[in-house]
Amino acid sequence: MTGQRSIDEVLLPQVCLFCDTVGDKYIFIDDNAPCHRIFAVQDCLQSEDIQLLVCRARSPYLNPIENVLEFFWKSPLLVENIPQQTRSSSSVH
């Protein structure tokens, strides 16, 4: 995806609209995707006063399945009903 296409198809119609709806508490998570690294995209985000949270590439904090599994394994109701060998072989770090 080119920088201009990212601006035209994602940032302006979706991100900026959502940002306007949420207000000052909106934070855009920059995951170092190539389309986010283009200067035109960065300039667009700055011109729209969008707050950025820059994460390193392949950050574990951006992986939603890790968050779901962590919640699953910490839930007392679920853990009681799972055999011990399953819990130890599938633990999330």
N, C-alpha and C. Protein backbone atom coordinates (compact mmCIF):
# COMPACT_ATOMS: atom_id res chain seq x y z
N MET A 1 0.85 -1.17 0.00
CA MET A 1 0.00 0.00 0.00
C MET A 1 0.90 1.23 0.00
N THR A 2 0.62 2.15 -0.88
CA THR A 2 1.40 3.38 -0.94
C THR A 2 0.95 4.34 0.16
N GLY A 3 1.79 5.32 0.44
CA GLY A 3 1.46 6.30 1.46
C GLY A 3 0.21 7.09 1.14
N GLN A 4 0.08 7.53 -0.10
CA GLN A 4 -1.10 8.31 -0.48
C GLN A 4 -2.36 7.46 -0.42
N ARG A 5 -2.24 6.20 -0.83
CA ARG A 5 -3.40 5.31 -0.77
C ARG A 5 -3.79 5.06 0.69
N SER A 6 -2.81 4.92 1.57
CA SER A 6 -3.08 4.74 2.99
C SER A 6 -3.82 5.96 3.56
N ILE A 7 -3.39 7.14 3.15
CA ILE A 7 -4.05 8.37 3.60
C ILE A 7 -5.48 8.44 3.07
N ASP A 8 -5.65 8.19 1.76
CA ASP A 8 -6.96 8.33 1.12
C ASP A 8 -7.96 7.26 1.54
N GLU A 9 -7.49 6.02 1.75
CA GLU A 9 -8.41 4.92 2.00
C GLU A 9 -8.55 4.53 3.47
N VAL A 10 -7.57 4.90 4.29
CA VAL A 10 -7.62 4.47 5.69
C VAL A 10 -7.63 5.66 6.64
N LEU A 11 -6.61 6.50 6.56
CA LEU A 11 -6.48 7.57 7.55
C LEU A 11 -7.64 8.56 7.53
N LEU A 12 -7.87 9.18 6.39
CA LEU A 12 -8.89 10.23 6.34
C LEU A 12 -10.31 9.68 6.52
N PRO A 13 -10.73 8.65 5.79
CA PRO A 13 -12.11 8.22 5.94
C PRO A 13 -12.40 7.42 7.21
N GLN A 14 -11.41 6.75 7.78
CA GLN A 14 -11.69 5.88 8.92
C GLN A 14 -11.04 6.37 10.20
N VAL A 15 -9.73 6.52 10.20
CA VAL A 15 -9.02 6.89 11.42
C VAL A 15 -9.43 8.28 11.89
N CYS A 16 -9.42 9.23 10.99
CA CYS A 16 -9.75 10.61 11.39
C CYS A 16 -11.21 10.73 11.81
N LEU A 17 -12.10 10.02 11.14
CA LEU A 17 -13.51 10.04 11.51
C LEU A 17 -13.70 9.45 12.91
N PHE A 18 -13.06 8.32 13.17
CA PHE A 18 -13.15 7.69 14.48
C PHE A 18 -12.52 8.57 15.55
N CYS A 19 -11.41 9.20 15.22
CA CYS A 19 -10.73 10.10 16.14
C CYS A 19 -11.64 11.27 16.52
N ASP A 20 -12.33 11.82 15.54
CA ASP A 20 -13.25 12.93 15.81
C ASP A 20 -14.38 12.49 16.72
N THR A 21 -14.84 11.26 16.57
CA THR A 21 -15.93 10.74 17.38
C THR A 21 -15.48 10.52 18.82
N VAL A 22 -14.29 9.96 19.02
CA VAL A 22 -13.78 9.65 20.35
C VAL A 22 -13.32 10.90 21.08
N GLY A 23 -12.66 11.79 20.35
CA GLY A 23 -12.19 13.03 20.96
C GLY A 23 -10.74 12.96 21.39
N ASP A 24 -10.40 13.74 22.42
CA ASP A 24 -9.01 13.89 22.86
C ASP A 24 -8.38 12.61 23.39
N LYS A 25 -9.18 11.65 23.78
CA LYS A 25 -8.62 10.42 24.37
C LYS A 25 -8.20 9.40 23.32
N TYR A 26 -8.38 9.72 22.05
CA TYR A 26 -8.02 8.78 20.98
C TYR A 26 -6.51 8.75 20.80
N ILE A 27 -5.96 7.54 20.73
CA ILE A 27 -4.53 7.34 20.49
C ILE A 27 -4.38 6.35 19.35
N PHE A 28 -3.62 6.74 18.35
CA PHE A 28 -3.34 5.88 17.20
C PHE A 28 -2.09 5.06 17.51
N ILE A 29 -2.19 3.74 17.41
CA ILE A 29 -1.05 2.88 17.69
C ILE A 29 -0.28 2.64 16.40
N ASP A 30 0.93 3.12 16.38
CA ASP A 30 1.82 2.97 15.23
C ASP A 30 2.67 1.72 15.45
N ASP A 31 2.41 0.68 14.66
CA ASP A 31 3.10 -0.59 14.84
C ASP A 31 4.28 -0.76 13.89
N ASN A 32 4.79 0.35 13.37
CA ASN A 32 5.93 0.33 12.44
C ASN A 32 5.63 -0.38 11.13
N ALA A 33 4.38 -0.48 10.76
CA ALA A 33 4.05 -1.04 9.45
C ALA A 33 4.64 -0.12 8.39
N PRO A 34 5.06 -0.66 7.26
CA PRO A 34 5.66 0.18 6.22
C PRO A 34 4.79 1.37 5.82
N CYS A 35 3.47 1.18 5.79
CA CYS A 35 2.60 2.30 5.39
C CYS A 35 2.58 3.41 6.45
N HIS A 36 2.94 3.10 7.70
CA HIS A 36 2.99 4.13 8.74
C HIS A 36 4.31 4.89 8.73
N ARG A 37 5.33 4.35 8.12
CA ARG A 37 6.65 4.95 8.13
C ARG A 37 6.83 6.02 7.04
N ILE A 38 5.91 6.11 6.13
CA ILE A 38 6.01 7.07 5.03
C ILE A 38 5.77 8.48 5.58
N PHE A 39 6.62 9.42 5.17
CA PHE A 39 6.55 10.79 5.70
C PHE A 39 5.18 11.44 5.46
N ALA A 40 4.56 11.17 4.32
CA ALA A 40 3.25 11.76 4.04
C ALA A 40 2.22 11.30 5.07
N VAL A 41 2.29 10.04 5.47
CA VAL A 41 1.36 9.52 6.47
C VAL A 41 1.64 10.16 7.83
N GLN A 42 2.90 10.25 8.20
CA GLN A 42 3.26 10.89 9.47
C GLN A 42 2.83 12.35 9.49
N ASP A 43 3.01 13.05 8.37
CA ASP A 43 2.58 14.45 8.27
C ASP A 43 1.07 14.57 8.40
N CYS A 44 0.34 13.64 7.79
CA CYS A 44 -1.12 13.66 7.87
C CYS A 44 -1.58 13.46 9.31
N LEU A 45 -0.98 12.52 10.01
CA LEU A 45 -1.34 12.28 11.41
C LEU A 45 -1.06 13.51 12.27
N GLN A 46 0.08 14.16 12.04
CA GLN A 46 0.42 15.36 12.79
C GLN A 46 -0.52 16.51 12.46
N SER A 47 -0.86 16.67 11.19
CA SER A 47 -1.75 17.77 10.81
C SER A 47 -3.15 17.59 11.36
N GLU A 48 -3.55 16.35 11.62
CA GLU A 48 -4.87 16.08 12.20
C GLU A 48 -4.83 16.07 13.73
N ASP A 49 -3.65 16.36 14.31
CA ASP A 49 -3.46 16.36 15.77
C ASP A 49 -3.84 15.03 16.41
N ILE A 50 -3.44 13.95 15.78
CA ILE A 50 -3.71 12.61 16.30
C ILE A 50 -2.53 12.19 17.16
N GLN A 51 -2.81 11.82 18.41
CA GLN A 51 -1.78 11.35 19.33
C GLN A 51 -1.29 9.99 18.88
N LEU A 52 0.02 9.79 18.92
CA LEU A 52 0.61 8.52 18.50
C LEU A 52 1.18 7.76 19.68
N LEU A 53 1.01 6.45 19.63
CA LEU A 53 1.70 5.55 20.53
C LEU A 53 2.54 4.66 19.63
N VAL A 54 3.85 4.86 19.65
CA VAL A 54 4.73 4.12 18.75
C VAL A 54 5.19 2.84 19.44
N CYS A 55 4.95 1.72 18.81
CA CYS A 55 5.37 0.41 19.33
C CYS A 55 6.41 -0.18 18.39
N ARG A 56 7.24 -1.02 18.94
CA ARG A 56 8.22 -1.67 18.09
C ARG A 56 7.52 -2.69 17.19
N ALA A 57 8.15 -3.01 16.10
CA ALA A 57 7.58 -3.99 15.18
C ALA A 57 7.40 -5.33 15.89
N ARG A 58 6.31 -5.98 15.60
CA ARG A 58 5.97 -7.30 16.17
C ARG A 58 5.89 -7.28 17.69
N SER A 59 5.38 -6.20 18.22
CA SER A 59 5.25 -6.08 19.66
C SER A 59 4.22 -7.09 20.18
N PRO A 60 4.52 -7.80 21.26
CA PRO A 60 3.54 -8.74 21.81
C PRO A 60 2.30 -8.03 22.34
N TYR A 61 2.41 -6.74 22.62
CA TYR A 61 1.25 -6.00 23.11
C TYR A 61 0.22 -5.74 22.02
N LEU A 62 0.60 -5.94 20.77
CA LEU A 62 -0.32 -5.72 19.66
C LEU A 62 -1.00 -7.00 19.21
N ASN A 63 -0.69 -8.13 19.83
CA ASN A 63 -1.23 -9.40 19.42
C ASN A 63 -2.48 -9.71 20.26
N PRO A 64 -3.67 -9.56 19.71
CA PRO A 64 -4.89 -9.74 20.50
C PRO A 64 -5.07 -11.15 21.04
N ILE A 65 -4.61 -12.17 20.32
CA ILE A 65 -4.80 -13.53 20.81
C ILE A 65 -4.02 -13.76 22.10
N GLU A 66 -2.86 -13.13 22.24
CA GLU A 66 -2.09 -13.26 23.48
C GLU A 66 -2.89 -12.69 24.66
N ASN A 67 -3.57 -11.59 24.44
CA ASN A 67 -4.37 -10.99 25.51
C ASN A 67 -5.55 -11.88 25.89
N VAL A 68 -6.18 -12.48 24.89
CA VAL A 68 -7.32 -13.37 25.16
C VAL A 68 -6.84 -14.60 25.92
N LEU A 69 -5.75 -15.20 25.48
CA LEU A 69 -5.24 -16.40 26.15
C LEU A 69 -4.79 -16.09 27.58
N GLU A 70 -4.19 -14.94 27.79
CA GLU A 70 -3.78 -14.56 29.14
C GLU A 70 -5.00 -14.46 30.05
N PHE A 71 -6.07 -13.82 29.56
CA PHE A 71 -7.30 -13.72 30.34
C PHE A 71 -7.87 -15.11 30.61
N PHE A 72 -7.86 -15.96 29.59
CA PHE A 72 -8.40 -17.31 29.70
C PHE A 72 -7.68 -18.10 30.78
N TRP A 73 -6.36 -18.08 30.76
CA TRP A 73 -5.59 -18.89 31.71
C TRP A 73 -5.65 -18.32 33.13
N LYS A 74 -5.95 -17.06 33.28
CA LYS A 74 -6.02 -16.47 34.62
C LYS A 74 -7.42 -16.57 35.24
N SER A 75 -8.40 -16.96 34.45
CA SER A 75 -9.77 -17.03 34.94
C SER A 75 -9.93 -18.24 35.87
N PRO A 76 -10.28 -18.03 37.14
CA PRO A 76 -10.39 -19.15 38.08
C PRO A 76 -11.46 -20.17 37.68
N LEU A 77 -12.57 -19.71 37.12
CA LEU A 77 -13.63 -20.64 36.74
C LEU A 77 -13.19 -21.56 35.61
N LEU A 78 -12.43 -21.04 34.69
CA LEU A 78 -11.98 -21.86 33.58
C LEU A 78 -10.85 -22.79 33.98
N VAL A 79 -9.93 -22.30 34.78
CA VAL A 79 -8.76 -23.08 35.16
C VAL A 79 -9.15 -24.31 35.98
N GLU A 80 -10.17 -24.20 36.82
CA GLU A 80 -10.60 -25.33 37.64
C GLU A 80 -11.07 -26.51 36.81
N ASN A 81 -11.60 -26.24 35.62
CA ASN A 81 -12.18 -27.28 34.79
C ASN A 81 -11.25 -27.80 33.71
N ILE A 82 -10.01 -27.37 33.69
CA ILE A 82 -9.06 -27.79 32.67
C ILE A 82 -8.07 -28.75 33.30
N PRO A 83 -7.83 -29.91 32.68
CA PRO A 83 -6.85 -30.84 33.25
C PRO A 83 -5.48 -30.19 33.39
N GLN A 84 -4.74 -30.58 34.41
CA GLN A 84 -3.44 -29.99 34.70
C GLN A 84 -2.47 -30.11 33.54
N GLN A 85 -2.43 -31.25 32.85
CA GLN A 85 -1.47 -31.43 31.76
C GLN A 85 -1.74 -30.46 30.62
N THR A 86 -3.00 -30.11 30.37
CA THR A 86 -3.34 -29.15 29.31
C THR A 86 -2.84 -27.77 29.69
N ARG A 87 -3.05 -27.38 30.94
CA ARG A 87 -2.61 -26.06 31.39
C ARG A 87 -1.11 -25.90 31.29
N SER A 88 -0.36 -26.90 31.68
CA SER A 88 1.09 -26.76 31.67
C SER A 88 1.68 -26.81 30.27
N SER A 89 1.02 -27.50 29.34
CA SER A 89 1.57 -27.59 27.98
C SER A 89 1.20 -26.39 27.12
N SER A 90 0.21 -25.61 27.53
CA SER A 90 -0.25 -24.49 26.70
C SER A 90 -0.11 -23.15 27.39
N SER A 91 0.78 -23.04 28.34
CA SER A 91 0.87 -21.78 29.08
C SER A 91 1.36 -20.65 28.19
N VAL A 92 0.86 -19.46 28.47
CA VAL A 92 1.21 -18.26 27.72
C VAL A 92 2.24 -17.49 28.52
N HIS A 93 3.27 -17.02 27.88
CA HIS A 93 4.32 -16.27 28.57
C HIS A 93 4.24 -14.83 28.21
